[in-house]
Amino acid sequence: MGDEVAERQITHLTDNTIILTDTFHTVNGIVEKQKLVQLYPDRLSWISTHLTGPNKYSQFVYEILAEGNNASRLDFTALHLEYEKESLNSEGIKLLAAKLRGEDSEVWKRLAKAMASDLK
């Protein structure tokens, strides 16, 4: 999650549906976010929908696709809602999208590093 003092609780609803409850301790207090995650293992994909928090109802679709015998790529599609920034102009939207892309990229890099470490 990228935050050393963050906590995650996993609630299994079905074999392929879970709720992730992430709790972050910030200078402004505790922030809790819940996500409904639907897993599609046969397609190597999953959908994450924010149920609470500042990005409520945002939805993210992930799919791992093979690229040859020894490589793969992650396709990612997002519907990111920002309630506090509803009045952004097109330039503001572009800047926000670039910021979010960079943040997401860093998260995936940390995950890849942790996965590589686990394989050693």
Protein backbone atom coordinates (compact mmCIF):
# COMPACT_ATOMS: atom_id res chain seq x y z
CA MET A 1 0.00 0.00 0.00
CA GLY A 2 3.06 2.20 0.16
CA ASP A 3 2.43 3.42 3.70
CA GLU A 4 4.27 1.82 6.61
CA VAL A 5 1.51 2.62 9.11
CA ALA A 6 -1.35 1.56 6.85
CA GLU A 7 -3.46 -1.44 7.75
CA ARG A 8 -5.45 -3.75 5.48
CA GLN A 9 -8.33 -6.01 6.39
CA ILE A 10 -9.61 -8.57 3.86
CA THR A 11 -13.21 -9.77 4.01
CA HIS A 12 -14.08 -12.72 1.76
CA LEU A 13 -17.64 -12.49 0.42
CA THR A 14 -17.35 -15.33 -2.10
CA ASP A 15 -14.47 -17.28 -3.65
CA ASN A 16 -13.98 -14.49 -6.20
CA THR A 17 -15.26 -11.41 -4.36
CA ILE A 18 -13.56 -9.63 -1.46
CA ILE A 19 -13.77 -6.32 0.34
CA LEU A 20 -10.48 -4.60 1.14
CA THR A 21 -10.59 -2.15 4.03
CA ASP A 22 -7.48 0.04 4.08
CA THR A 23 -6.81 2.31 7.05
CA PHE A 24 -4.27 5.13 6.75
CA HIS A 25 -3.01 7.22 9.66
CA THR A 26 -2.46 10.78 8.41
CA VAL A 27 -1.64 14.11 10.05
CA ASN A 28 -5.34 14.95 9.62
CA GLY A 29 -6.52 11.76 11.33
CA ILE A 30 -7.52 8.30 10.21
CA VAL A 31 -8.67 7.75 6.63
CA GLU A 32 -10.48 4.50 5.79
CA LYS A 33 -11.12 3.28 2.26
CA GLN A 34 -13.15 0.25 1.26
CA LYS A 35 -12.91 -1.46 -2.11
CA LEU A 36 -14.99 -4.23 -3.59
CA VAL A 37 -12.67 -6.47 -5.61
CA GLN A 38 -14.03 -9.02 -8.07
CA LEU A 39 -11.48 -11.61 -9.20
CA TYR A 40 -11.59 -13.35 -12.57
CA PRO A 41 -8.73 -15.87 -12.31
CA ASP A 42 -9.57 -17.62 -15.60
CA ARG A 43 -8.97 -14.30 -17.40
CA LEU A 44 -6.15 -13.14 -15.07
CA SER A 45 -8.15 -10.01 -14.37
CA TRP A 46 -9.85 -8.19 -11.55
CA ILE A 47 -12.08 -5.16 -11.01
CA SER A 48 -11.72 -2.86 -8.01
CA THR A 49 -14.56 -0.49 -7.10
CA HIS A 50 -14.13 2.10 -4.33
CA LEU A 51 -17.07 1.87 -1.93
CA THR A 52 -16.00 4.65 0.45
CA GLY A 53 -13.41 7.37 0.74
CA PRO A 54 -12.52 10.39 -1.34
CA ASN A 55 -12.82 8.48 -4.64
CA LYS A 56 -16.13 6.72 -3.93
CA TYR A 57 -17.44 4.74 -6.93
CA SER A 58 -14.16 5.02 -8.85
CA GLN A 59 -13.55 1.77 -10.71
CA PHE A 60 -10.35 0.15 -11.92
CA VAL A 61 -10.04 -2.79 -14.31
CA TYR A 62 -6.82 -4.82 -14.44
CA GLU A 63 -5.90 -7.62 -16.84
CA ILE A 64 -2.63 -9.51 -17.21
CA LEU A 65 -1.95 -10.45 -20.84
CA ALA A 66 0.72 -12.84 -22.13
CA GLU A 67 3.37 -11.46 -24.47
CA GLY A 68 5.19 -14.51 -25.71
CA ASN A 69 6.31 -17.43 -23.57
CA ASN A 70 8.19 -15.52 -20.85
CA ALA A 71 6.63 -12.10 -20.64
CA SER A 72 3.38 -10.40 -19.78
CA ARG A 73 1.91 -6.95 -19.46
CA LEU A 74 -0.72 -5.37 -17.28
CA ASP A 75 -3.58 -3.57 -19.03
CA PHE A 76 -5.24 -1.01 -16.79
CA THR A 77 -8.40 1.05 -17.32
CA ALA A 78 -9.70 3.54 -14.77
CA LEU A 79 -12.74 5.60 -14.03
CA HIS A 80 -11.30 7.92 -11.38
CA LEU A 81 -13.76 10.23 -9.63
CA GLU A 82 -12.55 13.32 -7.76
CA TYR A 83 -15.43 14.94 -5.90
CA GLU A 84 -13.34 17.79 -4.53
CA LYS A 85 -12.09 18.71 -8.00
CA GLU A 86 -15.30 18.64 -10.04
CA SER A 87 -14.65 22.07 -11.55
CA LEU A 88 -11.28 21.28 -13.14
CA ASN A 89 -10.73 22.62 -16.63
CA SER A 90 -9.16 20.47 -19.35
CA GLU A 91 -5.62 21.51 -18.37
CA GLY A 92 -6.31 20.67 -14.71
CA ILE A 93 -7.69 17.28 -15.74
CA LYS A 94 -4.53 16.56 -17.78
CA LEU A 95 -2.30 17.53 -14.84
CA LEU A 96 -4.31 15.37 -12.43
CA ALA A 97 -4.21 12.42 -14.85
CA ALA A 98 -0.41 12.74 -15.18
CA LYS A 99 -0.04 12.90 -11.38
CA LEU A 100 -2.23 9.81 -10.87
CA ARG A 101 -0.39 7.92 -13.62
CA GLY A 102 2.93 8.63 -11.90
CA GLU A 103 1.62 7.57 -8.49
CA ASP A 104 0.12 4.36 -9.89
CA SER A 105 3.35 3.58 -11.73
CA GLU A 106 5.33 3.91 -8.50
CA VAL A 107 2.94 1.56 -6.69
CA TRP A 108 3.32 -1.08 -9.41
CA LYS A 109 7.11 -0.71 -9.36
CA ARG A 110 7.14 -1.34 -5.60
CA LEU A 111 4.91 -4.38 -6.08
CA ALA A 112 7.15 -5.76 -8.84
CA LYS A 113 10.21 -5.27 -6.63
CA ALA A 114 8.53 -7.06 -3.72
CA MET A 115 7.42 -9.92 -5.99
CA ALA A 116 10.96 -10.28 -7.40
CA SER A 117 12.30 -10.37 -3.85
CA ASP A 118 9.80 -13.09 -2.91
CA LEU A 119 10.97 -15.24 -5.86
CA LYS A 120 14.61 -15.20 -4.71
